[in-house]
């Protein structure tokens, strides 16, 4: 595989995970689509942003996993 093909495939995987995490955060469908597009364009950076939001949400709710951060 070419290096650009590897990056494109990785960004598609990132976009799918971003859309799933946005759904877990309870955002609307329009924002979920924006996170999907952001995941396609920016890949891991968008995942990092959503991961921080998930940790902060868990911390506010007092759920396990918030102690990791």
PDB file of N, CA and C in Angstrom:
ATOM      1  N   UNK A   1       0.828  -1.190   0.000  1.00  0.00           N
ATOM      2  CA  UNK A   1       0.000   0.000   0.000  1.00  0.00           C
ATOM      3  C   UNK A   1       0.870   1.250   0.000  1.00  0.00           C
ATOM      4  N   UNK A   2       0.371   2.257  -0.665  1.00  0.00           N
ATOM      5  CA  UNK A   2       1.032   3.557  -0.652  1.00  0.00           C
ATOM      6  C   UNK A   2       0.787   4.225   0.700  1.00  0.00           C
ATOM      7  N   UNK A   3       1.641   5.158   1.051  1.00  0.00           N
ATOM      8  CA  UNK A   3       1.499   5.815   2.349  1.00  0.00           C
ATOM      9  C   UNK A   3       0.202   6.622   2.426  1.00  0.00           C
ATOM     10  N   UNK A   4      -0.231   7.242   1.329  1.00  0.00           N
ATOM     11  CA  UNK A   4      -1.473   8.008   1.358  1.00  0.00           C
ATOM     12  C   UNK A   4      -2.677   7.091   1.514  1.00  0.00           C
ATOM     13  N   UNK A   5      -2.591   5.859   1.014  1.00  0.00           N
ATOM     14  CA  UNK A   5      -3.682   4.898   1.179  1.00  0.00           C
ATOM     15  C   UNK A   5      -3.815   4.481   2.637  1.00  0.00           C
ATOM     16  N   UNK A   6      -2.697   4.299   3.308  1.00  0.00           N
ATOM     17  CA  UNK A   6      -2.697   3.935   4.721  1.00  0.00           C
ATOM     18  C   UNK A   6      -3.314   5.060   5.544  1.00  0.00           C
ATOM     19  N   UNK A   7      -2.933   6.292   5.245  1.00  0.00           N
ATOM     20  CA  UNK A   7      -3.487   7.442   5.959  1.00  0.00           C
ATOM     21  C   UNK A   7      -4.989   7.550   5.711  1.00  0.00           C
ATOM     22  N   UNK A   8      -5.429   7.332   4.488  1.00  0.00           N
ATOM     23  CA  UNK A   8      -6.855   7.415   4.168  1.00  0.00           C
ATOM     24  C   UNK A   8      -7.652   6.343   4.908  1.00  0.00           C
ATOM     25  N   UNK A   9      -7.142   5.131   4.953  1.00  0.00           N
ATOM     26  CA  UNK A   9      -7.837   4.050   5.660  1.00  0.00           C
ATOM     27  C   UNK A   9      -7.884   4.331   7.160  1.00  0.00           C
ATOM     28  N   UNK A  10      -6.789   4.812   7.708  1.00  0.00           N
ATOM     29  CA  UNK A  10      -6.765   5.150   9.138  1.00  0.00           C
ATOM     30  C   UNK A  10      -7.758   6.269   9.451  1.00  0.00           C
ATOM     31  N   UNK A  11      -7.861   7.261   8.587  1.00  0.00           N
ATOM     32  CA  UNK A  11      -8.803   8.348   8.817  1.00  0.00           C
ATOM     33  C   UNK A  11     -10.247   7.874   8.703  1.00  0.00           C
ATOM     34  N   UNK A  12     -10.515   6.905   7.845  1.00  0.00           N
ATOM     35  CA  UNK A  12     -11.872   6.340   7.775  1.00  0.00           C
ATOM     36  C   UNK A  12     -12.208   5.641   9.086  1.00  0.00           C
ATOM     37  N   UNK A  13     -11.263   4.869   9.628  1.00  0.00           N
ATOM     38  CA  UNK A  13     -11.490   4.223  10.922  1.00  0.00           C
ATOM     39  C   UNK A  13     -11.687   5.264  12.023  1.00  0.00           C
ATOM     40  N   UNK A  14     -10.892   6.316  12.001  1.00  0.00           N
ATOM     41  CA  UNK A  14     -11.036   7.393  12.988  1.00  0.00           C
ATOM     42  C   UNK A  14     -12.403   8.053  12.869  1.00  0.00           C
ATOM     43  N   UNK A  15     -12.881   8.254  11.655  1.00  0.00           N
ATOM     44  CA  UNK A  15     -14.178   8.882  11.443  1.00  0.00           C
ATOM     45  C   UNK A  15     -15.302   8.023  12.007  1.00  0.00           C
ATOM     46  N   UNK A  16     -15.210   6.713  11.840  1.00  0.00           N
ATOM     47  CA  UNK A  16     -16.240   5.809  12.372  1.00  0.00           C
ATOM     48  C   UNK A  16     -16.244   5.853  13.895  1.00  0.00           C
ATOM     49  N   UNK A  17     -15.063   5.818  14.495  1.00  0.00           N
ATOM     50  CA  UNK A  17     -14.970   5.877  15.954  1.00  0.00           C
ATOM     51  C   UNK A  17     -15.456   7.227  16.469  1.00  0.00           C
ATOM     52  N   UNK A  18     -15.125   8.312  15.761  1.00  0.00           N
ATOM     53  CA  UNK A  18     -15.584   9.642  16.174  1.00  0.00           C
ATOM     54  C   UNK A  18     -17.102   9.725  16.157  1.00  0.00           C
ATOM     55  N   UNK A  19     -17.731   9.186  15.131  1.00  0.00           N
ATOM     56  CA  UNK A  19     -19.191   9.207  15.060  1.00  0.00           C
ATOM     57  C   UNK A  19     -19.800   8.391  16.204  1.00  0.00           C
ATOM     58  N   UNK A  20     -19.194   7.274  16.543  1.00  0.00           N
ATOM     59  CA  UNK A  20     -19.684   6.440  17.647  1.00  0.00           C
ATOM     60  C   UNK A  20     -19.534   7.156  18.976  1.00  0.00           C
ATOM     61  N   UNK A  21     -18.385   7.774  19.209  1.00  0.00           N
ATOM     62  CA  UNK A  21     -18.161   8.489  20.464  1.00  0.00           C
ATOM     63  C   UNK A  21     -19.079   9.701  20.565  1.00  0.00           C
ATOM     64  N   UNK A  22     -19.336  10.376  19.447  1.00  0.00           N
ATOM     65  CA  UNK A  22     -20.260  11.509  19.460  1.00  0.00           C
ATOM     66  C   UNK A  22     -21.658  11.026  19.833  1.00  0.00           C
ATOM     67  N   UNK A  23     -22.031   9.854  19.367  1.00  0.00           N
ATOM     68  CA  UNK A  23     -23.321   9.271  19.743  1.00  0.00           C
ATOM     69  C   UNK A  23     -23.347   8.976  21.232  1.00  0.00           C
ATOM     70  N   UNK A  24     -22.247   8.465  21.779  1.00  0.00           N
ATOM     71  CA  UNK A  24     -22.161   8.197  23.221  1.00  0.00           C
ATOM     72  C   UNK A  24     -22.251   9.470  24.052  1.00  0.00           C
ATOM     73  N   UNK A  25     -21.767  10.588  23.497  1.00  0.00           N
ATOM     74  CA  UNK A  25     -21.848  11.856  24.205  1.00  0.00           C
ATOM     75  C   UNK A  25     -23.249  12.453  24.166  1.00  0.00           C
ATOM     76  N   UNK A  26     -24.101  11.930  23.309  1.00  0.00           N
ATOM     77  CA  UNK A  26     -25.475  12.403  23.244  1.00  0.00           C
ATOM     78  C   UNK A  26     -25.661  13.645  22.398  1.00  0.00           C
ATOM     79  N   UNK A  27     -24.774  13.876  21.454  1.00  0.00           N
ATOM     80  CA  UNK A  27     -24.933  15.043  20.590  1.00  0.00           C
ATOM     81  C   UNK A  27     -25.975  14.742  19.519  1.00  0.00           C
ATOM     82  N   UNK A  28     -26.452  15.793  18.882  1.00  0.00           N
ATOM     83  CA  UNK A  28     -27.446  15.633  17.827  1.00  0.00           C
ATOM     84  C   UNK A  28     -26.843  15.020  16.575  1.00  0.00           C
ATOM     85  N   UNK A  29     -27.731  14.657  15.658  1.00  0.00           N
ATOM     86  CA  UNK A  29     -27.279  13.992  14.444  1.00  0.00           C
ATOM     87  C   UNK A  29     -26.434  14.917  13.572  1.00  0.00           C
ATOM     88  N   UNK A  30     -26.772  16.205  13.538  1.00  0.00           N
ATOM     89  CA  UNK A  30     -25.995  17.142  12.718  1.00  0.00           C
ATOM     90  C   UNK A  30     -24.562  17.251  13.249  1.00  0.00           C
ATOM     91  N   UNK A  31     -24.398  17.366  14.573  1.00  0.00           N
ATOM     92  CA  UNK A  31     -23.041  17.437  15.140  1.00  0.00           C
ATOM     93  C   UNK A  31     -22.302  16.115  14.963  1.00  0.00           C
ATOM     94  N   UNK A  32     -23.048  15.013  15.012  1.00  0.00           N
ATOM     95  CA  UNK A  32     -22.419  13.709  14.808  1.00  0.00           C
ATOM     96  C   UNK A  32     -21.845  13.623  13.397  1.00  0.00           C
ATOM     97  N   UNK A  33     -22.564  14.137  12.428  1.00  0.00           N
ATOM     98  CA  UNK A  33     -22.060  14.143  11.048  1.00  0.00           C
ATOM     99  C   UNK A  33     -20.838  15.050  10.937  1.00  0.00           C
ATOM    100  N   UNK A  34     -20.848  16.182  11.659  1.00  0.00           N
ATOM    101  CA  UNK A  34     -19.676  17.057  11.656  1.00  0.00           C
ATOM    102  C   UNK A  34     -18.458  16.362  12.261  1.00  0.00           C
ATOM    103  N   UNK A  35     -18.678  15.599  13.339  1.00  0.00           N
ATOM    104  CA  UNK A  35     -17.562  14.847  13.921  1.00  0.00           C
ATOM    105  C   UNK A  35     -17.077  13.761  12.961  1.00  0.00           C
ATOM    106  N   UNK A  36     -17.988  13.164  12.205  1.00  0.00           N
ATOM    107  CA  UNK A  36     -17.607  12.171  11.196  1.00  0.00           C
ATOM    108  C   UNK A  36     -16.725  12.811  10.134  1.00  0.00           C
ATOM    109  N   UNK A  37     -17.129  13.972   9.640  1.00  0.00           N
ATOM    110  CA  UNK A  37     -16.340  14.673   8.629  1.00  0.00           C
ATOM    111  C   UNK A  37     -15.005  15.134   9.221  1.00  0.00           C
ATOM    112  N   UNK A  38     -15.047  15.635  10.460  1.00  0.00           N
ATOM    113  CA  UNK A  38     -13.800  16.022  11.124  1.00  0.00           C
ATOM    114  C   UNK A  38     -12.859  14.843  11.293  1.00  0.00           C
ATOM    115  N   UNK A  39     -13.414  13.674  11.594  1.00  0.00           N
ATOM    116  CA  UNK A  39     -12.590  12.474  11.708  1.00  0.00           C
ATOM    117  C   UNK A  39     -11.970  12.075  10.387  1.00  0.00           C
ATOM    118  N   UNK A  40     -12.713  12.272   9.296  1.00  0.00           N
ATOM    119  CA  UNK A  40     -12.154  11.972   7.973  1.00  0.00           C
ATOM    120  C   UNK A  40     -11.005  12.913   7.632  1.00  0.00           C
ATOM    121  N   UNK A  41     -11.140  14.179   8.024  1.00  0.00           N
ATOM    122  CA  UNK A  41     -10.126  15.164   7.664  1.00  0.00           C
ATOM    123  C   UNK A  41      -8.942  15.185   8.623  1.00  0.00           C
ATOM    124  N   UNK A  42      -9.229  15.108   9.923  1.00  0.00           N
ATOM    125  CA  UNK A  42      -8.185  15.313  10.919  1.00  0.00           C
ATOM    126  C   UNK A  42      -7.830  14.064  11.724  1.00  0.00           C
ATOM    127  N   UNK A  43      -8.577  12.983  11.543  1.00  0.00           N
ATOM    128  CA  UNK A  43      -8.273  11.695  12.140  1.00  0.00           C
ATOM    129  C   UNK A  43      -8.036  11.703  13.642  1.00  0.00           C
ATOM    130  N   UNK A  44      -6.823  11.387  14.068  1.00  0.00           N
ATOM    131  CA  UNK A  44      -6.529  11.236  15.498  1.00  0.00           C
ATOM    132  C   UNK A  44      -6.743  12.496  16.332  1.00  0.00           C
ATOM    133  N   UNK A  45      -6.602  13.675  15.746  1.00  0.00           N
ATOM    134  CA  UNK A  45      -6.828  14.903  16.507  1.00  0.00           C
ATOM    135  C   UNK A  45      -8.286  15.021  16.943  1.00  0.00           C
ATOM    136  N   UNK A  46      -9.201  14.651  16.060  1.00  0.00           N
ATOM    137  CA  UNK A  46     -10.622  14.685  16.409  1.00  0.00           C
ATOM    138  C   UNK A  46     -10.925  13.616  17.461  1.00  0.00           C
ATOM    139  N   UNK A  47     -10.281  12.461  17.352  1.00  0.00           N
ATOM    140  CA  UNK A  47     -10.484  11.416  18.359  1.00  0.00           C
ATOM    141  C   UNK A  47      -9.994  11.872  19.729  1.00  0.00           C
ATOM    142  N   UNK A  48      -8.875  12.563  19.780  1.00  0.00           N
ATOM    143  CA  UNK A  48      -8.352  13.075  21.040  1.00  0.00           C
ATOM    144  C   UNK A  48      -9.326  14.064  21.669  1.00  0.00           C
ATOM    145  N   UNK A  49      -9.874  14.945  20.865  1.00  0.00           N
ATOM    146  CA  UNK A  49     -10.849  15.915  21.361  1.00  0.00           C
ATOM    147  C   UNK A  49     -12.072  15.221  21.952  1.00  0.00           C
ATOM    148  N   UNK A  50     -12.607  14.240  21.247  1.00  0.00           N
ATOM    149  CA  UNK A  50     -13.781  13.519  21.748  1.00  0.00           C
ATOM    150  C   UNK A  50     -13.449  12.686  22.983  1.00  0.00           C
ATOM    151  N   UNK A  51     -12.238  12.126  23.031  1.00  0.00           N
ATOM    152  CA  UNK A  51     -11.833  11.345  24.191  1.00  0.00           C
ATOM    153  C   UNK A  51     -11.789  12.222  25.445  1.00  0.00           C
ATOM    154  N   UNK A  52     -11.276  13.429  25.292  1.00  0.00           N
ATOM    155  CA  UNK A  52     -11.238  14.360  26.428  1.00  0.00           C
ATOM    156  C   UNK A  52     -12.653  14.697  26.877  1.00  0.00           C
ATOM    157  N   UNK A  53     -13.559  14.895  25.926  1.00  0.00           N
ATOM    158  CA  UNK A  53     -14.960  15.169  26.278  1.00  0.00           C
ATOM    159  C   UNK A  53     -15.591  13.977  27.002  1.00  0.00           C
ATOM    160  N   UNK A  54     -15.278  12.758  26.549  1.00  0.00           N
ATOM    161  CA  UNK A  54     -15.823  11.561  27.204  1.00  0.00           C
ATOM    162  C   UNK A  54     -15.305  11.426  28.634  1.00  0.00           C
ATOM    163  N   UNK A  55     -14.031  11.695  28.846  1.00  0.00           N
ATOM    164  CA  UNK A  55     -13.453  11.617  30.190  1.00  0.00           C
ATOM    165  C   UNK A  55     -14.081  12.672  31.098  1.00  0.00           C
ATOM    166  N   UNK A  56     -14.241  13.887  30.587  1.00  0.00           N
ATOM    167  CA  UNK A  56     -14.860  14.947  31.387  1.00  0.00           C
ATOM    168  C   UNK A  56     -16.313  14.624  31.726  1.00  0.00           C
ATOM    169  N   UNK A  57     -17.041  14.015  30.794  1.00  0.00           N
ATOM    170  CA  UNK A  57     -18.425  13.621  31.055  1.00  0.00           C
ATOM    171  C   UNK A  57     -18.471  12.537  32.132  1.00  0.00           C
ATOM    172  N   UNK A  58     -17.560  11.581  32.054  1.00  0.00           N
ATOM    173  CA  UNK A  58     -17.507  10.523  33.065  1.00  0.00           C
ATOM    174  C   UNK A  58     -17.148  11.091  34.431  1.00  0.00           C
ATOM    175  N   UNK A  59     -16.259  12.081  34.441  1.00  0.00           N
ATOM    176  CA  UNK A  59     -15.854  12.709  35.690  1.00  0.00           C
ATOM    177  C   UNK A  59     -17.033  13.433  36.342  1.00  0.00           C
ATOM    178  N   UNK A  60     -17.845  14.133  35.536  1.00  0.00           N
ATOM    179  CA  UNK A  60     -19.012  14.836  36.066  1.00  0.00           C
ATOM    180  C   UNK A  60     -20.060  13.879  36.614  1.00  0.00           C
ATOM    181  N   UNK A  61     -20.195  12.718  35.972  1.00  0.00           N
ATOM    182  CA  UNK A  61     -21.189  11.737  36.391  1.00  0.00           C
ATOM    183  C   UNK A  61     -20.676  10.806  37.481  1.00  0.00           C
ATOM    184  N   UNK A  62     -19.384  10.880  37.788  1.00  0.00           N
ATOM    185  CA  UNK A  62     -18.797  10.041  38.819  1.00  0.00           C
ATOM    186  C   UNK A  62     -18.653   8.585  38.406  1.00  0.00           C
ATOM    187  N   UNK A  63     -18.566   8.343  37.122  1.00  0.00           N
ATOM    188  CA  UNK A  63     -18.426   6.970  36.612  1.00  0.00           C
ATOM    189  C   UNK A  63     -16.974   6.517  36.669  1.00  0.00           C
ATOM    190  N   UNK A  64     -16.759   5.193  36.693  1.00  0.00           N
ATOM    191  CA  UNK A  64     -15.384   4.687  36.624  1.00  0.00           C
ATOM    192  C   UNK A  64     -14.748   5.072  35.284  1.00  0.00           C
ATOM    193  N   UNK A  65     -13.477   5.205  35.293  1.00  0.00           N
ATOM    194  CA  UNK A  65     -12.756   5.603  34.095  1.00  0.00           C
ATOM    195  C   UNK A  65     -12.360   7.056  34.138  1.00  0.00           C
ATOM    196  N   UNK A  66     -13.062   7.834  34.947  1.00  0.00           N
ATOM    197  CA  UNK A  66     -12.724   9.244  35.067  1.00  0.00           C
ATOM    198  C   UNK A  66     -11.443   9.407  35.894  1.00  0.00           C
ATOM    199  N   UNK A  67     -11.083   8.413  36.666  1.00  0.00           N
ATOM    200  CA  UNK A  67      -9.873   8.484  37.474  1.00  0.00           C
ATOM    201  C   UNK A  67      -8.614   8.314  36.664  1.00  0.00           C
ATOM    202  N   UNK A  68      -8.738   7.894  35.386  1.00  0.00           N
ATOM    203  CA  UNK A  68      -7.574   7.695  34.549  1.00  0.00           C
ATOM    204  C   UNK A  68      -6.907   9.023  34.222  1.00  0.00           C
ATOM    205  N   UNK A  69      -7.714  10.057  34.055  1.00  0.00           N
ATOM    206  CA  UNK A  69      -7.155  11.341  33.622  1.00  0.00           C
ATOM    207  C   UNK A  69      -6.743  12.188  34.804  1.00  0.00           C
TER     208      UNK A  69
END
